[in-house]
Amino acid sequence: MCGVPGAPTVNAVKLRPSRAALLVVVFLLFCVTPLAFVRAPLLILYLIPLGMLLWIFRSGTDIDPDGVTVRAVAGRKRLAWSDIQGLSPDSRGELRAVLRDGRLMRLPQARLRHLEVIAAASDGHISVAAPPSPTDPPPTDRPPTDRPPTEPPLADREHPGQ
């Protein structure tokens, strides 16, 4: 995407939680309201949907040609591209920034599926390897041989007792 003539240029990418999560907040408000008005101390239950609202509107990751901004409910941290060695996915597909000193920093809302968009917004600081073309032969561990397999496939074998 990046550096290709005619490709769209991306100035900045903002990765945020889905706004559909607001439906959960509304649902929680309806559920909490009857409980909150039973006794005055239960009004504290309204902090749950309020916390979710803050998370929806504050957390996320901003990527631009100058660097990455990691946003949380209570603050943000700016990383220049010179501080980032690369990006690494975890087992769930969430991306983490690998810093030059070896530390990992979680990038909220950044997933493997966003990698191409992040690479485009990074203005060449992050590159994505091209997927193998369908005409490329699949990699093998064994050298190719011209002899047929020594045993027929399971579907072609004769079953004893038939």
N, C-alpha and C. Protein backbone atom coordinates (compact mmCIF):
# COMPACT_ATOMS: atom_id res chain seq x y z
N MET A 1 0.82 -1.19 0.00
CA MET A 1 0.00 0.00 0.00
C MET A 1 0.87 1.25 0.00
N CYS A 2 1.91 1.21 0.78
CA CYS A 2 2.75 2.38 0.93
C CYS A 2 3.78 2.43 -0.19
N GLY A 3 3.94 3.57 -0.80
CA GLY A 3 4.93 3.71 -1.84
C GLY A 3 4.48 3.21 -3.20
N VAL A 4 3.25 2.83 -3.33
CA VAL A 4 2.74 2.34 -4.61
C VAL A 4 2.07 3.52 -5.32
N PRO A 5 2.46 3.79 -6.59
CA PRO A 5 1.82 4.90 -7.30
C PRO A 5 0.31 4.68 -7.40
N GLY A 6 -0.41 5.72 -7.10
CA GLY A 6 -1.86 5.66 -7.18
C GLY A 6 -2.52 5.13 -5.92
N ALA A 7 -1.72 4.67 -4.95
CA ALA A 7 -2.30 4.17 -3.69
C ALA A 7 -2.74 5.35 -2.84
N PRO A 8 -3.83 5.19 -2.11
CA PRO A 8 -4.28 6.30 -1.27
C PRO A 8 -3.30 6.55 -0.14
N THR A 9 -3.12 7.83 0.19
CA THR A 9 -2.25 8.17 1.30
C THR A 9 -3.08 8.29 2.57
N VAL A 10 -2.52 7.82 3.65
CA VAL A 10 -3.21 7.83 4.94
C VAL A 10 -2.41 8.74 5.87
N ASN A 11 -3.05 9.77 6.39
CA ASN A 11 -2.36 10.68 7.29
C ASN A 11 -2.28 10.11 8.70
N ALA A 12 -3.39 9.65 9.24
CA ALA A 12 -3.41 9.12 10.60
C ALA A 12 -4.54 8.10 10.70
N VAL A 13 -4.33 7.14 11.59
CA VAL A 13 -5.33 6.11 11.84
C VAL A 13 -5.65 6.15 13.33
N LYS A 14 -6.94 6.15 13.64
CA LYS A 14 -7.39 6.12 15.03
C LYS A 14 -8.14 4.82 15.25
N LEU A 15 -7.59 3.96 16.09
CA LEU A 15 -8.23 2.69 16.42
C LEU A 15 -8.91 2.85 17.77
N ARG A 16 -10.24 2.73 17.79
CA ARG A 16 -11.03 2.93 19.00
C ARG A 16 -11.98 1.76 19.20
N PRO A 17 -12.51 1.60 20.42
CA PRO A 17 -13.54 0.57 20.64
C PRO A 17 -14.77 0.86 19.77
N SER A 18 -15.48 -0.18 19.44
CA SER A 18 -16.68 -0.03 18.62
C SER A 18 -17.72 0.81 19.35
N ARG A 19 -18.36 1.68 18.62
CA ARG A 19 -19.43 2.50 19.23
C ARG A 19 -20.66 1.66 19.56
N ALA A 20 -20.71 0.44 19.05
CA ALA A 20 -21.81 -0.46 19.41
C ALA A 20 -21.77 -0.80 20.89
N ALA A 21 -20.62 -0.62 21.52
CA ALA A 21 -20.51 -0.86 22.97
C ALA A 21 -21.37 0.13 23.76
N LEU A 22 -21.77 1.22 23.13
CA LEU A 22 -22.68 2.16 23.80
C LEU A 22 -24.02 1.51 24.13
N LEU A 23 -24.42 0.53 23.33
CA LEU A 23 -25.66 -0.20 23.62
C LEU A 23 -25.56 -0.94 24.96
N VAL A 24 -24.39 -1.45 25.26
CA VAL A 24 -24.17 -2.12 26.54
C VAL A 24 -24.29 -1.12 27.67
N VAL A 25 -23.77 0.08 27.47
CA VAL A 25 -23.86 1.13 28.51
C VAL A 25 -25.32 1.48 28.77
N VAL A 26 -26.10 1.64 27.73
CA VAL A 26 -27.52 1.96 27.89
C VAL A 26 -28.24 0.83 28.62
N PHE A 27 -27.93 -0.41 28.24
CA PHE A 27 -28.53 -1.56 28.91
C PHE A 27 -28.16 -1.57 30.40
N LEU A 28 -26.90 -1.31 30.71
CA LEU A 28 -26.47 -1.26 32.11
C LEU A 28 -27.18 -0.15 32.88
N LEU A 29 -27.39 0.99 32.25
CA LEU A 29 -28.12 2.08 32.92
C LEU A 29 -29.53 1.63 33.30
N PHE A 30 -30.20 0.93 32.39
CA PHE A 30 -31.54 0.44 32.70
C PHE A 30 -31.51 -0.60 33.81
N CYS A 31 -30.50 -1.44 33.84
CA CYS A 31 -30.41 -2.47 34.86
C CYS A 31 -30.03 -1.90 36.23
N VAL A 32 -29.17 -0.90 36.25
CA VAL A 32 -28.67 -0.34 37.50
C VAL A 32 -29.68 0.60 38.16
N THR A 33 -30.48 1.29 37.38
CA THR A 33 -31.38 2.31 37.92
C THR A 33 -32.33 1.77 39.00
N PRO A 34 -33.02 0.65 38.82
CA PRO A 34 -33.90 0.19 39.91
C PRO A 34 -33.13 -0.14 41.18
N LEU A 35 -31.94 -0.70 41.04
CA LEU A 35 -31.14 -1.03 42.21
C LEU A 35 -30.60 0.21 42.90
N ALA A 36 -30.20 1.19 42.12
CA ALA A 36 -29.57 2.39 42.67
C ALA A 36 -30.52 3.21 43.52
N PHE A 37 -31.81 3.13 43.24
CA PHE A 37 -32.76 3.95 43.99
C PHE A 37 -33.40 3.20 45.16
N VAL A 38 -32.98 1.96 45.41
CA VAL A 38 -33.48 1.24 46.59
C VAL A 38 -32.88 1.85 47.84
N ARG A 39 -31.57 2.06 47.81
CA ARG A 39 -30.86 2.67 48.94
C ARG A 39 -29.83 3.64 48.36
N ALA A 40 -29.60 4.71 49.07
CA ALA A 40 -28.68 5.75 48.60
C ALA A 40 -27.26 5.23 48.34
N PRO A 41 -26.70 4.35 49.17
CA PRO A 41 -25.34 3.88 48.88
C PRO A 41 -25.22 3.12 47.56
N LEU A 42 -26.32 2.58 47.07
CA LEU A 42 -26.27 1.84 45.80
C LEU A 42 -26.14 2.76 44.58
N LEU A 43 -26.22 4.07 44.79
CA LEU A 43 -26.01 5.00 43.67
C LEU A 43 -24.60 4.85 43.08
N ILE A 44 -23.72 4.27 43.87
CA ILE A 44 -22.36 4.04 43.39
C ILE A 44 -22.34 3.08 42.19
N LEU A 45 -23.39 2.31 42.00
CA LEU A 45 -23.48 1.40 40.85
C LEU A 45 -23.44 2.15 39.51
N TYR A 46 -23.80 3.43 39.53
CA TYR A 46 -23.74 4.22 38.30
C TYR A 46 -22.29 4.41 37.81
N LEU A 47 -21.32 4.11 38.66
CA LEU A 47 -19.92 4.24 38.24
C LEU A 47 -19.55 3.18 37.19
N ILE A 48 -20.26 2.06 37.19
CA ILE A 48 -19.95 1.01 36.21
C ILE A 48 -20.22 1.49 34.78
N PRO A 49 -21.43 1.96 34.46
CA PRO A 49 -21.63 2.47 33.08
C PRO A 49 -20.79 3.71 32.79
N LEU A 50 -20.54 4.54 33.81
CA LEU A 50 -19.71 5.72 33.60
C LEU A 50 -18.29 5.31 33.22
N GLY A 51 -17.75 4.29 33.90
CA GLY A 51 -16.42 3.79 33.57
C GLY A 51 -16.36 3.22 32.17
N MET A 52 -17.43 2.53 31.77
CA MET A 52 -17.48 2.01 30.40
C MET A 52 -17.51 3.13 29.37
N LEU A 53 -18.26 4.19 29.66
CA LEU A 53 -18.30 5.34 28.75
C LEU A 53 -16.91 5.95 28.59
N LEU A 54 -16.22 6.13 29.70
CA LEU A 54 -14.87 6.69 29.63
C LEU A 54 -13.96 5.79 28.80
N TRP A 55 -14.06 4.48 28.99
CA TRP A 55 -13.22 3.55 28.23
C TRP A 55 -13.53 3.63 26.74
N ILE A 56 -14.81 3.70 26.38
CA ILE A 56 -15.20 3.75 24.97
C ILE A 56 -14.66 4.99 24.28
N PHE A 57 -14.73 6.14 24.96
CA PHE A 57 -14.35 7.39 24.32
C PHE A 57 -12.88 7.77 24.49
N ARG A 58 -12.19 7.16 25.47
CA ARG A 58 -10.80 7.55 25.72
C ARG A 58 -9.76 6.57 25.21
N SER A 59 -10.01 5.26 25.32
CA SER A 59 -8.95 4.30 25.01
C SER A 59 -8.81 4.08 23.51
N GLY A 60 -7.60 3.71 23.11
CA GLY A 60 -7.35 3.42 21.71
C GLY A 60 -5.91 3.69 21.35
N THR A 61 -5.63 3.58 20.06
CA THR A 61 -4.28 3.79 19.53
C THR A 61 -4.38 4.71 18.32
N ASP A 62 -3.53 5.72 18.28
CA ASP A 62 -3.44 6.63 17.14
C ASP A 62 -2.10 6.39 16.46
N ILE A 63 -2.13 6.20 15.15
CA ILE A 63 -0.91 5.97 14.38
C ILE A 63 -0.81 7.06 13.33
N ASP A 64 0.35 7.72 13.25
CA ASP A 64 0.59 8.72 12.23
C ASP A 64 2.04 8.62 11.77
N PRO A 65 2.45 9.39 10.77
CA PRO A 65 3.83 9.27 10.27
C PRO A 65 4.91 9.60 11.31
N ASP A 66 4.56 10.31 12.38
CA ASP A 66 5.54 10.68 13.40
C ASP A 66 5.69 9.64 14.51
N GLY A 67 4.66 8.82 14.73
CA GLY A 67 4.74 7.84 15.80
C GLY A 67 3.39 7.27 16.17
N VAL A 68 3.33 6.71 17.37
CA VAL A 68 2.14 6.04 17.89
C VAL A 68 1.76 6.69 19.22
N THR A 69 0.48 6.96 19.40
CA THR A 69 -0.03 7.44 20.68
C THR A 69 -0.94 6.37 21.25
N VAL A 70 -0.58 5.89 22.44
CA VAL A 70 -1.37 4.88 23.14
C VAL A 70 -2.22 5.63 24.16
N ARG A 71 -3.55 5.46 24.03
CA ARG A 71 -4.48 6.18 24.91
C ARG A 71 -5.17 5.21 25.86
N ALA A 72 -5.24 5.61 27.12
CA ALA A 72 -5.95 4.85 28.14
C ALA A 72 -6.95 5.78 28.80
N VAL A 73 -7.76 5.25 29.70
CA VAL A 73 -8.77 6.06 30.37
C VAL A 73 -8.10 7.19 31.14
N ALA A 74 -6.98 6.90 31.79
CA ALA A 74 -6.36 7.88 32.68
C ALA A 74 -5.15 8.59 32.10
N GLY A 75 -4.81 8.39 30.84
CA GLY A 75 -3.66 9.08 30.30
C GLY A 75 -3.32 8.60 28.91
N ARG A 76 -2.17 9.07 28.43
CA ARG A 76 -1.70 8.65 27.11
C ARG A 76 -0.18 8.69 27.09
N LYS A 77 0.37 7.93 26.15
CA LYS A 77 1.83 7.88 25.99
C LYS A 77 2.14 7.96 24.51
N ARG A 78 3.06 8.83 24.17
CA ARG A 78 3.47 9.04 22.79
C ARG A 78 4.80 8.31 22.54
N LEU A 79 4.85 7.51 21.49
CA LEU A 79 6.06 6.80 21.10
C LEU A 79 6.46 7.25 19.70
N ALA A 80 7.69 7.71 19.56
CA ALA A 80 8.20 8.06 18.23
C ALA A 80 8.59 6.76 17.52
N TRP A 81 8.59 6.77 16.19
CA TRP A 81 8.95 5.57 15.45
C TRP A 81 10.38 5.14 15.76
N SER A 82 11.24 6.09 16.15
CA SER A 82 12.62 5.73 16.48
C SER A 82 12.69 4.91 17.78
N ASP A 83 11.66 4.97 18.62
CA ASP A 83 11.62 4.19 19.86
C ASP A 83 11.06 2.79 19.64
N ILE A 84 10.46 2.54 18.48
CA ILE A 84 9.78 1.28 18.22
C ILE A 84 10.63 0.43 17.28
N GLN A 85 10.92 -0.79 17.71
CA GLN A 85 11.69 -1.72 16.87
C GLN A 85 10.77 -2.44 15.90
N GLY A 86 9.54 -2.73 16.31
CA GLY A 86 8.59 -3.42 15.45
C GLY A 86 7.30 -3.68 16.20
N LEU A 87 6.41 -4.44 15.56
CA LEU A 87 5.14 -4.83 16.16
C LEU A 87 5.10 -6.34 16.29
N SER A 88 4.50 -6.81 17.37
CA SER A 88 4.44 -8.24 17.62
C SER A 88 3.02 -8.62 18.05
N PRO A 89 2.44 -9.65 17.43
CA PRO A 89 1.11 -10.09 17.86
C PRO A 89 1.22 -11.04 19.05
N ASP A 90 0.21 -11.04 19.89
CA ASP A 90 0.17 -12.05 20.95
C ASP A 90 -0.71 -13.21 20.47
N SER A 91 -0.99 -14.13 21.37
CA SER A 91 -1.73 -15.33 20.96
C SER A 91 -3.17 -15.04 20.54
N ARG A 92 -3.72 -13.89 20.96
CA ARG A 92 -5.10 -13.53 20.59
C ARG A 92 -5.16 -12.59 19.39
N GLY A 93 -4.02 -12.27 18.79
CA GLY A 93 -4.01 -11.40 17.62
C GLY A 93 -3.92 -9.93 17.95
N GLU A 94 -3.75 -9.59 19.23
CA GLU A 94 -3.59 -8.18 19.61
C GLU A 94 -2.14 -7.77 19.37
N LEU A 95 -1.95 -6.55 18.88
CA LEU A 95 -0.60 -6.08 18.57
C LEU A 95 0.03 -5.40 19.77
N ARG A 96 1.33 -5.60 19.88
CA ARG A 96 2.13 -4.95 20.91
C ARG A 96 3.32 -4.31 20.21
N ALA A 97 3.72 -3.13 20.68
CA ALA A 97 4.90 -2.47 20.14
C ALA A 97 6.12 -3.04 20.86
N VAL A 98 7.12 -3.46 20.09
CA VAL A 98 8.39 -3.91 20.67
C VAL A 98 9.29 -2.69 20.68
N LEU A 99 9.64 -2.23 21.88
CA LEU A 99 10.46 -1.04 22.01
C LEU A 99 11.94 -1.38 21.86
N ARG A 100 12.77 -0.39 21.58
CA ARG A 100 14.20 -0.60 21.35
C ARG A 100 14.89 -1.23 22.56
N ASP A 101 14.38 -0.96 23.76
CA ASP A 101 15.00 -1.53 24.96
C ASP A 101 14.48 -2.93 25.28
N GLY A 102 13.63 -3.50 24.39
CA GLY A 102 13.16 -4.86 24.56
C GLY A 102 11.81 -4.99 25.25
N ARG A 103 11.30 -3.90 25.81
CA ARG A 103 9.99 -3.96 26.47
C ARG A 103 8.88 -4.04 25.43
N LEU A 104 7.73 -4.58 25.86
CA LEU A 104 6.54 -4.64 25.02
C LEU A 104 5.51 -3.66 25.55
N MET A 105 4.85 -2.95 24.66
CA MET A 105 3.78 -2.04 25.07
C MET A 105 2.52 -2.42 24.31
N ARG A 106 1.46 -2.68 25.04
CA ARG A 106 0.18 -3.05 24.43
C ARG A 106 -0.37 -1.87 23.65
N LEU A 107 -0.90 -2.15 22.46
CA LEU A 107 -1.56 -1.13 21.64
C LEU A 107 -3.06 -1.41 21.67
N PRO A 108 -3.80 -0.68 22.50
CA PRO A 108 -5.24 -0.95 22.63
C PRO A 108 -5.96 -0.87 21.28
N GLN A 109 -6.82 -1.82 21.05
CA GLN A 109 -7.67 -1.91 19.85
C GLN A 109 -6.92 -2.25 18.58
N ALA A 110 -5.59 -2.40 18.61
CA ALA A 110 -4.82 -2.74 17.42
C ALA A 110 -4.75 -4.27 17.30
N ARG A 111 -5.19 -4.78 16.16
CA ARG A 111 -5.22 -6.22 15.92
C ARG A 111 -4.43 -6.54 14.64
N LEU A 112 -4.20 -7.81 14.42
CA LEU A 112 -3.48 -8.24 13.22
C LEU A 112 -4.17 -7.75 11.95
N ARG A 113 -5.50 -7.72 11.96
CA ARG A 113 -6.23 -7.30 10.77
C ARG A 113 -5.99 -5.83 10.42
N HIS A 114 -5.47 -5.05 11.38
CA HIS A 114 -5.20 -3.63 11.15
C HIS A 114 -3.78 -3.38 10.64
N LEU A 115 -2.98 -4.43 10.47
CA LEU A 115 -1.56 -4.26 10.18
C LEU A 115 -1.30 -3.48 8.89
N GLU A 116 -2.06 -3.75 7.84
CA GLU A 116 -1.84 -3.03 6.58
C GLU A 116 -2.17 -1.55 6.72
N VAL A 117 -3.21 -1.23 7.45
CA VAL A 117 -3.59 0.17 7.66
C VAL A 117 -2.53 0.87 8.51
N ILE A 118 -2.02 0.17 9.52
CA ILE A 118 -0.97 0.74 10.37
C ILE A 118 0.28 0.99 9.55
N ALA A 119 0.64 0.04 8.68
CA ALA A 119 1.83 0.21 7.84
C ALA A 119 1.67 1.42 6.92
N ALA A 120 0.49 1.61 6.37
CA ALA A 120 0.26 2.77 5.49
C ALA A 120 0.35 4.07 6.27
N ALA A 121 -0.20 4.10 7.48
CA ALA A 121 -0.17 5.33 8.27
C ALA A 121 1.22 5.63 8.82
N SER A 122 2.08 4.61 8.92
CA SER A 122 3.41 4.81 9.48
C SER A 122 4.37 5.47 8.48
N ASP A 123 3.93 5.62 7.26
CA ASP A 123 4.73 6.28 6.22
C ASP A 123 6.06 5.55 6.00
N GLY A 124 5.99 4.20 5.97
CA GLY A 124 7.17 3.41 5.67
C GLY A 124 7.96 2.94 6.87
N HIS A 125 7.61 3.35 8.07
CA HIS A 125 8.34 2.89 9.26
C HIS A 125 8.03 1.43 9.59
N ILE A 126 6.84 0.98 9.26
CA ILE A 126 6.44 -0.41 9.45
C ILE A 126 6.11 -0.95 8.06
N SER A 127 6.63 -2.12 7.75
CA SER A 127 6.31 -2.73 6.46
C SER A 127 5.63 -4.07 6.69
N VAL A 128 4.80 -4.44 5.73
CA VAL A 128 4.07 -5.70 5.79
C VAL A 128 4.58 -6.57 4.65
N ALA A 129 4.96 -7.79 4.97
CA ALA A 129 5.41 -8.71 3.94
C ALA A 129 4.23 -9.09 3.05
N ALA A 130 4.48 -9.17 1.77
CA ALA A 130 3.42 -9.56 0.83
C ALA A 130 3.07 -11.02 1.04
N PRO A 131 1.79 -11.36 0.97
CA PRO A 131 1.42 -12.77 1.10
C PRO A 131 1.92 -13.55 -0.11
N PRO A 132 2.16 -14.85 0.05
CA PRO A 132 2.63 -15.64 -1.10
C PRO A 132 1.58 -15.67 -2.20
N SER A 133 2.05 -15.63 -3.44
CA SER A 133 1.10 -15.66 -4.55
C SER A 133 0.59 -17.08 -4.74
N PRO A 134 -0.60 -17.23 -5.33
CA PRO A 134 -1.15 -18.57 -5.53
C PRO A 134 -0.32 -19.43 -6.46
N THR A 135 0.54 -18.82 -7.27
CA THR A 135 1.36 -19.61 -8.20
C THR A 135 2.64 -20.12 -7.55
N ASP A 136 3.00 -19.59 -6.37
CA ASP A 136 4.19 -20.07 -5.68
C ASP A 136 3.94 -21.47 -5.17
N PRO A 137 4.92 -22.36 -5.33
CA PRO A 137 4.73 -23.72 -4.80
C PRO A 137 4.78 -23.70 -3.28
N PRO A 138 4.03 -24.57 -2.65
CA PRO A 138 4.05 -24.59 -1.19
C PRO A 138 5.40 -25.07 -0.69
N PRO A 139 5.85 -24.53 0.44
CA PRO A 139 7.14 -24.96 0.96
C PRO A 139 7.06 -26.41 1.44
N THR A 140 8.11 -27.16 1.21
CA THR A 140 8.15 -28.55 1.67
C THR A 140 9.43 -28.77 2.47
N ASP A 141 9.37 -29.76 3.34
CA ASP A 141 10.54 -30.10 4.15
C ASP A 141 11.40 -31.15 3.44
N ARG A 142 10.80 -31.86 2.50
CA ARG A 142 11.50 -32.94 1.81
C ARG A 142 11.79 -32.54 0.38
N PRO A 143 12.89 -33.04 -0.16
CA PRO A 143 13.15 -32.76 -1.59
C PRO A 143 12.13 -33.49 -2.45
N PRO A 144 11.77 -32.92 -3.60
CA PRO A 144 10.79 -33.58 -4.46
C PRO A 144 11.34 -34.89 -5.01
N THR A 145 10.46 -35.87 -5.15
CA THR A 145 10.84 -37.16 -5.74
C THR A 145 9.89 -37.47 -6.87
N ASP A 146 10.38 -38.28 -7.82
CA ASP A 146 9.55 -38.65 -8.96
C ASP A 146 8.86 -39.99 -8.75
N ARG A 147 9.14 -40.68 -7.67
CA ARG A 147 8.53 -41.99 -7.46
C ARG A 147 7.18 -41.85 -6.79
N PRO A 148 6.27 -42.77 -7.05
CA PRO A 148 4.93 -42.70 -6.45
C PRO A 148 5.01 -43.06 -4.97
N PRO A 149 4.00 -42.69 -4.22
CA PRO A 149 4.01 -43.05 -2.80
C PRO A 149 3.98 -44.56 -2.65
N THR A 150 4.61 -45.05 -1.57
CA THR A 150 4.71 -46.49 -1.37
C THR A 150 3.41 -47.09 -0.85
N GLU A 151 2.55 -46.29 -0.28
CA GLU A 151 1.32 -46.81 0.29
C GLU A 151 0.14 -46.03 -0.29
N PRO A 152 -0.92 -46.72 -0.72
CA PRO A 152 -2.06 -45.98 -1.28
C PRO A 152 -2.75 -45.16 -0.20
N PRO A 153 -3.46 -44.09 -0.58
CA PRO A 153 -4.18 -43.29 0.39
C PRO A 153 -5.23 -44.13 1.10
N LEU A 154 -5.65 -43.68 2.26
CA LEU A 154 -6.61 -44.42 3.08
C LEU A 154 -7.89 -44.77 2.31
N ALA A 155 -8.36 -43.88 1.49
CA ALA A 155 -9.62 -44.12 0.79
C ALA A 155 -9.46 -45.24 -0.24
N ASP A 156 -8.24 -45.48 -0.74
CA ASP A 156 -8.03 -46.49 -1.76
C ASP A 156 -7.61 -47.84 -1.19
N ARG A 157 -7.36 -47.91 0.11
CA ARG A 157 -6.93 -49.17 0.71
C ARG A 157 -8.09 -50.15 0.80
N GLU A 158 -7.75 -51.40 0.68
CA GLU A 158 -8.77 -52.43 0.88
C GLU A 158 -8.87 -52.70 2.37
N HIS A 159 -10.07 -52.85 2.86
CA HIS A 159 -10.28 -53.10 4.26
C HIS A 159 -10.35 -54.60 4.50
N PRO A 160 -9.61 -55.09 5.48
CA PRO A 160 -9.68 -56.54 5.77
C PRO A 160 -11.05 -56.91 6.26
N GLY A 161 -11.48 -58.09 5.89
CA GLY A 161 -12.80 -58.58 6.33
C GLY A 161 -13.92 -58.17 5.42
N GLN A 162 -13.62 -57.59 4.28
CA GLN A 162 -14.69 -57.20 3.37
C GLN A 162 -14.68 -58.05 2.14
